Amino acid sequence: MTVTKFLLLALASAAVPPIVGGALHTVARQTFYANTLPLLPAQTQPSPANLIHVEIGGLRNDRGQVVCDLHSSADGFPKNGDKAVAHAKSPISSGHAVCDFPDVKEGTYAVGVFHDENSNGKLDTNFMGIPREGVGASNNAKGHFGPPKFNAAAFRYSSGRLELKITVTYL
């Protein structure tokens, strides 16, 4: 072993507390096994116990952001995000985005999303109220001469991690 390799190994060993048996350690928010040198900082974050994870597809470009609202009643769904119980925004990559709603309580919910292409924080519509930007809802619910109804988009959530997929449509 060369002197340089020996010194590097000695420095690396000094940074890692010596524990017999390869025990798992967390030091300065980095998780690693004893007697090993982490090459990169740990990227793991504790996942919330109750999470609604929404994958959004069908986006026509990567401009702007996706805005997601979680509603617990028909009041304001999907047009009035102020009446939603939770909100999320997501960047777009390769026509896809992800919105997470952590710490959700048991209940009936519906998710409304829109592609905020110009990042102005609101759904742009034409003079007749028809969206100029892409829209979507849980269960891929569609409206008839207007937005989808809460009951069409509603789902029951009990606990744990729930995976939803929503495809955005452009009218």
N, C-alpha and C. Protein backbone atom coordinates (compact mmCIF):
# COMPACT_ATOMS: atom_id res chain seq x y z
N MET A 1 0.86 -1.17 0.00
CA MET A 1 0.00 0.00 0.00
C MET A 1 0.91 1.23 0.00
N THR A 2 0.62 2.17 -0.87
CA THR A 2 1.45 3.37 -0.93
C THR A 2 1.14 4.26 0.25
N VAL A 3 2.04 5.19 0.52
CA VAL A 3 1.88 6.12 1.64
C VAL A 3 0.64 6.98 1.43
N THR A 4 0.39 7.42 0.19
CA THR A 4 -0.77 8.27 -0.09
C THR A 4 -2.07 7.51 0.20
N LYS A 5 -2.16 6.27 -0.28
CA LYS A 5 -3.36 5.47 -0.04
C LYS A 5 -3.54 5.23 1.46
N PHE A 6 -2.44 4.98 2.16
CA PHE A 6 -2.51 4.75 3.59
C PHE A 6 -3.04 5.98 4.32
N LEU A 7 -2.52 7.17 3.96
CA LEU A 7 -2.97 8.41 4.60
C LEU A 7 -4.44 8.67 4.30
N LEU A 8 -4.86 8.46 3.04
CA LEU A 8 -6.28 8.67 2.69
C LEU A 8 -7.18 7.71 3.47
N LEU A 9 -6.75 6.48 3.59
CA LEU A 9 -7.53 5.49 4.34
C LEU A 9 -7.58 5.87 5.81
N ALA A 10 -6.49 6.35 6.37
CA ALA A 10 -6.46 6.76 7.77
C ALA A 10 -7.38 7.96 8.00
N LEU A 11 -7.38 8.93 7.09
CA LEU A 11 -8.26 10.09 7.21
C LEU A 11 -9.72 9.68 7.10
N ALA A 12 -10.02 8.80 6.17
CA ALA A 12 -11.39 8.34 6.00
C ALA A 12 -11.86 7.56 7.22
N SER A 13 -10.98 6.75 7.80
CA SER A 13 -11.35 5.96 8.98
C SER A 13 -11.58 6.86 10.17
N ALA A 14 -10.86 7.94 10.28
CA ALA A 14 -11.02 8.87 11.39
C ALA A 14 -12.37 9.56 11.33
N ALA A 15 -12.91 9.74 10.13
CA ALA A 15 -14.20 10.41 9.98
C ALA A 15 -15.36 9.49 10.30
N VAL A 16 -15.11 8.19 10.37
CA VAL A 16 -16.17 7.21 10.60
C VAL A 16 -15.92 6.54 11.95
N PRO A 17 -16.89 6.61 12.89
CA PRO A 17 -16.68 5.95 14.17
C PRO A 17 -16.55 4.45 13.99
N PRO A 18 -15.50 3.87 14.56
CA PRO A 18 -15.30 2.42 14.39
C PRO A 18 -16.29 1.64 15.25
N ILE A 19 -17.21 0.91 14.62
CA ILE A 19 -18.17 0.07 15.30
C ILE A 19 -18.06 -1.33 14.69
N VAL A 20 -18.02 -2.31 15.52
CA VAL A 20 -17.89 -3.68 15.05
C VAL A 20 -19.24 -4.15 14.53
N GLY A 21 -19.23 -4.88 13.43
CA GLY A 21 -20.43 -5.50 12.94
C GLY A 21 -21.15 -4.72 11.86
N GLY A 22 -20.58 -3.65 11.37
CA GLY A 22 -21.21 -2.89 10.29
C GLY A 22 -22.53 -2.27 10.70
N ALA A 23 -22.63 -1.72 11.88
CA ALA A 23 -23.88 -1.12 12.35
C ALA A 23 -24.20 0.14 11.56
N LEU A 24 -25.48 0.43 11.47
CA LEU A 24 -25.95 1.61 10.74
C LEU A 24 -25.84 2.83 11.63
N HIS A 25 -25.29 3.93 11.08
CA HIS A 25 -25.11 5.17 11.83
C HIS A 25 -25.65 6.34 11.05
N THR A 26 -26.09 7.36 11.80
CA THR A 26 -26.46 8.62 11.17
C THR A 26 -25.64 9.71 11.84
N VAL A 27 -24.82 10.37 11.07
CA VAL A 27 -23.98 11.44 11.56
C VAL A 27 -24.18 12.63 10.64
N ALA A 28 -24.50 13.77 11.20
CA ALA A 28 -24.70 14.99 10.42
C ALA A 28 -25.66 14.73 9.26
N ARG A 29 -26.77 14.01 9.55
CA ARG A 29 -27.82 13.73 8.56
C ARG A 29 -27.35 12.87 7.40
N GLN A 30 -26.23 12.20 7.54
CA GLN A 30 -25.76 11.27 6.51
C GLN A 30 -25.81 9.87 7.08
N THR A 31 -26.44 8.98 6.38
CA THR A 31 -26.56 7.61 6.85
C THR A 31 -25.56 6.75 6.10
N PHE A 32 -24.85 5.91 6.85
CA PHE A 32 -23.88 5.02 6.24
C PHE A 32 -23.62 3.86 7.17
N TYR A 33 -22.98 2.84 6.65
CA TYR A 33 -22.59 1.71 7.47
C TYR A 33 -21.21 1.98 8.02
N ALA A 34 -21.01 1.59 9.28
CA ALA A 34 -19.72 1.80 9.92
C ALA A 34 -18.61 1.14 9.11
N ASN A 35 -17.46 1.73 9.16
CA ASN A 35 -16.26 1.25 8.47
C ASN A 35 -16.36 1.39 6.96
N THR A 36 -17.26 2.24 6.50
CA THR A 36 -17.31 2.58 5.07
C THR A 36 -17.33 4.09 4.95
N LEU A 37 -16.87 4.57 3.84
CA LEU A 37 -16.84 6.01 3.59
C LEU A 37 -17.94 6.35 2.60
N PRO A 38 -18.89 7.22 2.98
CA PRO A 38 -19.94 7.59 2.03
C PRO A 38 -19.35 8.43 0.90
N LEU A 39 -19.70 8.08 -0.32
CA LEU A 39 -19.20 8.82 -1.47
C LEU A 39 -20.01 10.06 -1.73
N LEU A 40 -21.31 10.00 -1.45
CA LEU A 40 -22.21 11.13 -1.66
C LEU A 40 -23.06 11.30 -0.41
N PRO A 41 -23.52 12.53 -0.13
CA PRO A 41 -24.43 12.70 1.01
C PRO A 41 -25.71 11.91 0.79
N ALA A 42 -26.26 11.40 1.86
CA ALA A 42 -27.50 10.64 1.76
C ALA A 42 -28.62 11.54 1.28
N GLN A 43 -29.41 11.07 0.32
CA GLN A 43 -30.49 11.85 -0.25
C GLN A 43 -31.86 11.39 0.27
N THR A 44 -31.86 10.49 1.23
CA THR A 44 -33.12 9.97 1.71
C THR A 44 -33.75 10.93 2.71
N GLN A 45 -35.06 11.07 2.59
CA GLN A 45 -35.82 11.86 3.55
C GLN A 45 -36.89 10.94 4.10
N PRO A 46 -37.23 11.12 5.36
CA PRO A 46 -38.28 10.26 5.89
C PRO A 46 -39.58 10.53 5.16
N SER A 47 -40.25 9.46 4.74
CA SER A 47 -41.50 9.65 4.03
C SER A 47 -42.63 9.78 5.04
N PRO A 48 -43.57 10.69 4.79
CA PRO A 48 -44.67 10.85 5.72
C PRO A 48 -45.49 9.56 5.79
N ALA A 49 -46.07 9.33 6.96
CA ALA A 49 -46.86 8.12 7.14
C ALA A 49 -48.09 8.13 6.24
N ASN A 50 -48.71 9.26 6.06
CA ASN A 50 -49.90 9.39 5.22
C ASN A 50 -49.59 10.35 4.09
N LEU A 51 -49.63 9.83 2.87
CA LEU A 51 -49.23 10.63 1.71
C LEU A 51 -50.09 10.28 0.51
N ILE A 52 -50.57 11.32 -0.17
CA ILE A 52 -51.20 11.13 -1.47
C ILE A 52 -50.20 11.63 -2.49
N HIS A 53 -49.74 10.71 -3.34
CA HIS A 53 -48.72 10.98 -4.35
C HIS A 53 -49.41 11.00 -5.71
N VAL A 54 -49.33 12.14 -6.41
CA VAL A 54 -50.03 12.31 -7.68
C VAL A 54 -49.01 12.49 -8.80
N GLU A 55 -49.07 11.57 -9.77
CA GLU A 55 -48.23 11.68 -10.97
C GLU A 55 -49.09 12.27 -12.08
N ILE A 56 -48.59 13.33 -12.69
CA ILE A 56 -49.32 14.04 -13.73
C ILE A 56 -48.61 13.85 -15.06
N GLY A 57 -49.35 13.41 -16.08
CA GLY A 57 -48.80 13.20 -17.41
C GLY A 57 -49.64 13.93 -18.45
N GLY A 58 -49.20 13.80 -19.70
CA GLY A 58 -49.94 14.41 -20.80
C GLY A 58 -49.67 15.89 -20.98
N LEU A 59 -48.66 16.41 -20.33
CA LEU A 59 -48.33 17.84 -20.45
C LEU A 59 -47.69 18.10 -21.80
N ARG A 60 -48.14 19.13 -22.49
CA ARG A 60 -47.69 19.36 -23.87
C ARG A 60 -46.30 19.98 -23.97
N ASN A 61 -45.81 20.53 -22.88
CA ASN A 61 -44.46 21.09 -22.87
C ASN A 61 -43.98 21.17 -21.43
N ASP A 62 -42.74 21.60 -21.25
CA ASP A 62 -42.14 21.69 -19.92
C ASP A 62 -42.15 23.13 -19.39
N ARG A 63 -42.86 24.01 -20.03
CA ARG A 63 -42.92 25.41 -19.58
C ARG A 63 -43.79 25.53 -18.34
N GLY A 64 -43.42 26.45 -17.49
CA GLY A 64 -44.24 26.76 -16.32
C GLY A 64 -44.18 25.71 -15.23
N GLN A 65 -45.34 25.43 -14.64
CA GLN A 65 -45.44 24.52 -13.51
C GLN A 65 -46.80 23.86 -13.52
N VAL A 66 -46.96 22.86 -12.67
CA VAL A 66 -48.26 22.25 -12.46
C VAL A 66 -48.73 22.65 -11.07
N VAL A 67 -49.98 23.07 -10.99
CA VAL A 67 -50.59 23.45 -9.72
C VAL A 67 -51.62 22.38 -9.37
N CYS A 68 -51.55 21.86 -8.14
CA CYS A 68 -52.44 20.80 -7.69
C CYS A 68 -53.17 21.25 -6.42
N ASP A 69 -54.46 20.95 -6.36
CA ASP A 69 -55.27 21.26 -5.19
C ASP A 69 -55.98 20.00 -4.72
N LEU A 70 -55.97 19.77 -3.41
CA LEU A 70 -56.66 18.64 -2.80
C LEU A 70 -57.91 19.17 -2.12
N HIS A 71 -59.07 18.72 -2.57
CA HIS A 71 -60.35 19.18 -2.03
C HIS A 71 -61.00 18.06 -1.23
N SER A 72 -61.67 18.45 -0.14
CA SER A 72 -62.37 17.47 0.69
C SER A 72 -63.89 17.57 0.54
N SER A 73 -64.36 18.48 -0.32
CA SER A 73 -65.79 18.61 -0.56
C SER A 73 -66.01 19.22 -1.94
N ALA A 74 -67.26 19.22 -2.36
CA ALA A 74 -67.62 19.79 -3.66
C ALA A 74 -67.52 21.31 -3.66
N ASP A 75 -67.50 21.89 -2.48
CA ASP A 75 -67.44 23.35 -2.37
C ASP A 75 -66.14 23.88 -2.98
N GLY A 76 -66.23 24.51 -4.13
CA GLY A 76 -65.09 25.10 -4.79
C GLY A 76 -64.33 24.20 -5.74
N PHE A 77 -64.69 22.91 -5.81
CA PHE A 77 -63.96 22.00 -6.68
C PHE A 77 -64.40 22.17 -8.12
N PRO A 78 -63.50 22.18 -9.08
CA PRO A 78 -62.05 22.32 -8.97
C PRO A 78 -61.59 23.76 -9.18
N LYS A 79 -62.54 24.67 -9.39
CA LYS A 79 -62.17 26.03 -9.79
C LYS A 79 -61.56 26.90 -8.70
N ASN A 80 -62.00 26.73 -7.46
CA ASN A 80 -61.57 27.62 -6.40
C ASN A 80 -60.55 26.95 -5.50
N GLY A 81 -59.29 27.16 -5.80
CA GLY A 81 -58.21 26.58 -5.00
C GLY A 81 -58.17 27.09 -3.58
N ASP A 82 -58.77 28.25 -3.31
CA ASP A 82 -58.80 28.79 -1.95
C ASP A 82 -59.60 27.89 -1.01
N LYS A 83 -60.49 27.09 -1.56
CA LYS A 83 -61.32 26.20 -0.73
C LYS A 83 -60.72 24.81 -0.59
N ALA A 84 -59.56 24.60 -1.19
CA ALA A 84 -58.87 23.30 -1.08
C ALA A 84 -58.25 23.16 0.30
N VAL A 85 -58.10 21.90 0.74
CA VAL A 85 -57.48 21.64 2.05
C VAL A 85 -55.96 21.58 1.96
N ALA A 86 -55.42 21.39 0.75
CA ALA A 86 -53.97 21.36 0.57
C ALA A 86 -53.64 21.76 -0.86
N HIS A 87 -52.44 22.31 -1.03
CA HIS A 87 -51.97 22.78 -2.33
C HIS A 87 -50.56 22.26 -2.57
N ALA A 88 -50.22 22.08 -3.83
CA ALA A 88 -48.86 21.70 -4.19
C ALA A 88 -48.56 22.25 -5.57
N LYS A 89 -47.29 22.55 -5.82
CA LYS A 89 -46.82 22.99 -7.14
C LYS A 89 -45.65 22.12 -7.50
N SER A 90 -45.48 21.91 -8.80
CA SER A 90 -44.40 21.04 -9.24
C SER A 90 -43.80 21.53 -10.54
N PRO A 91 -42.48 21.44 -10.68
CA PRO A 91 -41.87 21.71 -11.98
C PRO A 91 -42.22 20.57 -12.93
N ILE A 92 -42.01 20.80 -14.21
CA ILE A 92 -42.33 19.81 -15.24
C ILE A 92 -41.04 19.33 -15.88
N SER A 93 -40.96 18.04 -16.11
CA SER A 93 -39.80 17.47 -16.77
C SER A 93 -40.28 16.38 -17.73
N SER A 94 -39.94 16.52 -18.98
CA SER A 94 -40.30 15.53 -20.01
C SER A 94 -41.80 15.25 -20.04
N GLY A 95 -42.60 16.30 -19.88
CA GLY A 95 -44.05 16.15 -19.96
C GLY A 95 -44.71 15.53 -18.75
N HIS A 96 -43.96 15.44 -17.62
CA HIS A 96 -44.49 14.84 -16.40
C HIS A 96 -44.21 15.73 -15.20
N ALA A 97 -45.05 15.61 -14.19
CA ALA A 97 -44.86 16.33 -12.93
C ALA A 97 -45.39 15.46 -11.80
N VAL A 98 -45.03 15.82 -10.57
CA VAL A 98 -45.47 15.07 -9.39
C VAL A 98 -45.88 16.06 -8.31
N CYS A 99 -47.04 15.82 -7.71
CA CYS A 99 -47.48 16.59 -6.55
C CYS A 99 -47.69 15.64 -5.39
N ASP A 100 -47.17 15.99 -4.23
CA ASP A 100 -47.33 15.20 -3.03
C ASP A 100 -48.12 15.98 -2.00
N PHE A 101 -49.06 15.29 -1.36
CA PHE A 101 -49.82 15.85 -0.26
C PHE A 101 -49.52 15.02 0.98
N PRO A 102 -48.63 15.51 1.86
CA PRO A 102 -48.26 14.74 3.06
C PRO A 102 -49.26 14.96 4.20
N ASP A 103 -49.23 14.03 5.15
CA ASP A 103 -49.99 14.13 6.39
C ASP A 103 -51.49 14.31 6.16
N VAL A 104 -52.04 13.54 5.24
CA VAL A 104 -53.46 13.62 4.92
C VAL A 104 -54.25 12.76 5.90
N LYS A 105 -55.36 13.30 6.36
CA LYS A 105 -56.24 12.57 7.27
C LYS A 105 -57.22 11.72 6.46
N GLU A 106 -57.77 10.72 7.10
CA GLU A 106 -58.75 9.84 6.45
C GLU A 106 -59.95 10.67 5.98
N GLY A 107 -60.45 10.35 4.79
CA GLY A 107 -61.61 11.06 4.28
C GLY A 107 -61.80 10.83 2.80
N THR A 108 -62.74 11.58 2.23
CA THR A 108 -63.02 11.54 0.81
C THR A 108 -62.46 12.80 0.19
N TYR A 109 -61.70 12.64 -0.89
CA TYR A 109 -61.01 13.76 -1.52
C TYR A 109 -61.14 13.70 -3.03
N ALA A 110 -60.81 14.82 -3.66
CA ALA A 110 -60.67 14.90 -5.11
C ALA A 110 -59.51 15.85 -5.38
N VAL A 111 -58.74 15.54 -6.42
CA VAL A 111 -57.60 16.37 -6.79
C VAL A 111 -57.89 17.06 -8.12
N GLY A 112 -57.65 18.36 -8.16
CA GLY A 112 -57.73 19.12 -9.40
C GLY A 112 -56.35 19.65 -9.73
N VAL A 113 -55.95 19.57 -11.00
CA VAL A 113 -54.64 20.06 -11.42
C VAL A 113 -54.79 20.92 -12.66
N PHE A 114 -53.84 21.84 -12.85
CA PHE A 114 -53.76 22.56 -14.12
C PHE A 114 -52.32 22.88 -14.44
N HIS A 115 -52.05 22.98 -15.75
CA HIS A 115 -50.72 23.29 -16.26
C HIS A 115 -50.63 24.81 -16.36
N ASP A 116 -49.95 25.41 -15.41
CA ASP A 116 -49.77 26.86 -15.37
C ASP A 116 -48.58 27.21 -16.26
N GLU A 117 -48.82 27.24 -17.56
CA GLU A 117 -47.73 27.41 -18.53
C GLU A 117 -46.98 28.72 -18.38
N ASN A 118 -47.66 29.78 -17.97
CA ASN A 118 -47.00 31.08 -17.85
C ASN A 118 -46.62 31.41 -16.40
N SER A 119 -46.77 30.46 -15.50
CA SER A 119 -46.39 30.59 -14.08
C SER A 119 -46.99 31.81 -13.40
N ASN A 120 -48.24 32.13 -13.75
CA ASN A 120 -48.88 33.27 -13.10
C ASN A 120 -49.73 32.84 -11.90
N GLY A 121 -49.77 31.54 -11.61
CA GLY A 121 -50.47 31.04 -10.44
C GLY A 121 -51.97 30.88 -10.61
N LYS A 122 -52.48 31.10 -11.81
CA LYS A 122 -53.93 30.95 -12.02
C LYS A 122 -54.19 30.27 -13.35
N LEU A 123 -55.36 29.67 -13.45
CA LEU A 123 -55.77 29.01 -14.68
C LEU A 123 -56.28 30.07 -15.64
N ASP A 124 -55.61 30.22 -16.77
CA ASP A 124 -56.02 31.21 -17.76
C ASP A 124 -57.14 30.64 -18.62
N THR A 125 -58.16 31.45 -18.86
CA THR A 125 -59.31 31.03 -19.67
C THR A 125 -59.55 32.05 -20.77
N ASN A 126 -60.35 31.65 -21.77
CA ASN A 126 -60.72 32.60 -22.82
C ASN A 126 -61.96 33.38 -22.37
N PHE A 127 -62.50 34.21 -23.24
CA PHE A 127 -63.61 35.07 -22.86
C PHE A 127 -64.88 34.28 -22.50
N MET A 128 -64.96 33.02 -22.91
CA MET A 128 -66.11 32.18 -22.57
C MET A 128 -65.87 31.33 -21.32
N GLY A 129 -64.70 31.45 -20.71
CA GLY A 129 -64.37 30.69 -19.51
C GLY A 129 -63.76 29.33 -19.78
N ILE A 130 -63.45 29.04 -21.04
CA ILE A 130 -62.83 27.76 -21.39
C ILE A 130 -61.32 27.87 -21.13
N PRO A 131 -60.75 26.90 -20.43
CA PRO A 131 -59.32 26.96 -20.09
C PRO A 131 -58.42 27.03 -21.32
N ARG A 132 -57.44 27.91 -21.25
CA ARG A 132 -56.39 27.97 -22.28
C ARG A 132 -55.22 27.08 -21.92
N GLU A 133 -55.17 26.67 -20.67
CA GLU A 133 -54.10 25.82 -20.17
C GLU A 133 -54.69 24.45 -19.85
N GLY A 134 -53.84 23.44 -19.77
CA GLY A 134 -54.29 22.08 -19.53
C GLY A 134 -54.87 21.88 -18.14
N VAL A 135 -55.88 21.02 -18.05
CA VAL A 135 -56.54 20.73 -16.78
C VAL A 135 -56.69 19.22 -16.60
N GLY A 136 -56.87 18.80 -15.36
CA GLY A 136 -57.11 17.40 -15.06
C GLY A 136 -57.68 17.23 -13.67
N ALA A 137 -58.21 16.04 -13.41
CA ALA A 137 -58.78 15.74 -12.10
C ALA A 137 -58.53 14.27 -11.77
N SER A 138 -58.61 13.96 -10.49
CA SER A 138 -58.46 12.56 -10.07
C SER A 138 -59.53 11.72 -10.75
N ASN A 139 -59.23 10.45 -10.90
CA ASN A 139 -60.06 9.51 -11.66
C ASN A 139 -60.15 9.90 -13.13
N ASN A 140 -59.32 10.85 -13.54
CA ASN A 140 -59.38 11.42 -14.90
C ASN A 140 -60.82 11.81 -15.25
N ALA A 141 -61.52 12.33 -14.24
CA ALA A 141 -62.91 12.76 -14.42
C ALA A 141 -62.98 13.92 -15.41
N LYS A 142 -63.99 13.88 -16.26
CA LYS A 142 -64.21 14.92 -17.27
C LYS A 142 -65.54 15.60 -16.98
N GLY A 143 -65.61 16.87 -17.30
CA GLY A 143 -66.87 17.59 -17.15
C GLY A 143 -67.65 17.58 -18.44
N HIS A 144 -68.92 17.87 -18.33
CA HIS A 144 -69.79 18.01 -19.50
C HIS A 144 -70.26 19.46 -19.51
N PHE A 145 -69.78 20.23 -20.46
CA PHE A 145 -70.08 21.66 -20.55
C PHE A 145 -69.67 22.37 -19.26
N GLY A 146 -68.50 22.05 -18.76
CA GLY A 146 -67.97 22.67 -17.55
C GLY A 146 -66.98 21.73 -16.89
N PRO A 147 -66.50 22.10 -15.72
CA PRO A 147 -65.52 21.26 -15.03
C PRO A 147 -66.15 19.98 -14.50
N PRO A 148 -65.33 18.99 -14.16
CA PRO A 148 -65.87 17.75 -13.61
C PRO A 148 -66.50 17.99 -12.24
N LYS A 149 -67.43 17.14 -11.88
CA LYS A 149 -68.08 17.20 -10.57
C LYS A 149 -67.21 16.51 -9.53
N PHE A 150 -67.33 16.96 -8.31
CA PHE A 150 -66.56 16.39 -7.20
C PHE A 150 -66.79 14.88 -7.10
N ASN A 151 -68.03 14.44 -7.18
CA ASN A 151 -68.34 13.02 -7.04
C ASN A 151 -67.67 12.17 -8.11
N ALA A 152 -67.48 12.72 -9.32
CA ALA A 152 -66.83 11.96 -10.39
C ALA A 152 -65.33 11.83 -10.14
N ALA A 153 -64.75 12.79 -9.45
CA ALA A 153 -63.31 12.79 -9.19
C ALA A 153 -62.96 12.27 -7.80
N ALA A 154 -63.95 12.05 -6.96
CA ALA A 154 -63.72 11.70 -5.56
C ALA A 154 -63.16 10.29 -5.39
N PHE A 155 -62.35 10.13 -4.36
CA PHE A 155 -61.81 8.83 -3.96
C PHE A 155 -61.74 8.79 -2.46
N ARG A 156 -61.78 7.62 -1.91
CA ARG A 156 -61.69 7.41 -0.47
C ARG A 156 -60.24 7.18 -0.08
N TYR A 157 -59.79 7.90 0.94
CA TYR A 157 -58.43 7.73 1.44
C TYR A 157 -58.50 7.31 2.90
N SER A 158 -57.79 6.22 3.26
CA SER A 158 -57.83 5.77 4.65
C SER A 158 -56.50 6.08 5.36
N SER A 159 -55.38 5.62 4.80
CA SER A 159 -54.07 5.92 5.40
C SER A 159 -52.99 5.35 4.50
N GLY A 160 -51.74 5.61 4.87
CA GLY A 160 -50.60 5.10 4.12
C GLY A 160 -50.31 5.94 2.89
N ARG A 161 -49.71 5.33 1.91
CA ARG A 161 -49.35 6.00 0.67
C ARG A 161 -50.34 5.62 -0.42
N LEU A 162 -50.93 6.62 -1.04
CA LEU A 162 -51.86 6.39 -2.14
C LEU A 162 -51.27 7.00 -3.40
N GLU A 163 -51.19 6.19 -4.45
CA GLU A 163 -50.65 6.64 -5.74
C GLU A 163 -51.80 6.96 -6.69
N LEU A 164 -51.81 8.17 -7.24
CA LEU A 164 -52.80 8.57 -8.23
C LEU A 164 -52.10 8.98 -9.51
N LYS A 165 -52.77 8.78 -10.63
CA LYS A 165 -52.26 9.24 -11.92
C LYS A 165 -53.34 10.09 -12.57
N ILE A 166 -52.93 11.26 -13.04
CA ILE A 166 -53.86 12.17 -13.70
C ILE A 166 -53.24 12.56 -15.05
N THR A 167 -54.06 12.50 -16.09
CA THR A 167 -53.64 12.93 -17.42
C THR A 167 -54.28 14.29 -17.71
N VAL A 168 -53.44 15.25 -18.01
CA VAL A 168 -53.91 16.60 -18.31
C VAL A 168 -54.45 16.63 -19.74
N THR A 169 -55.55 17.35 -19.92
CA THR A 169 -56.12 17.54 -21.25
C THR A 169 -56.17 19.03 -21.56
N TYR A 170 -56.11 19.32 -22.83
CA TYR A 170 -56.15 20.70 -23.31
C TYR A 170 -57.42 20.85 -24.15
N LEU A 171 -58.25 21.81 -23.79
CA LEU A 171 -59.53 21.98 -24.46
C LEU A 171 -59.42 22.91 -25.66
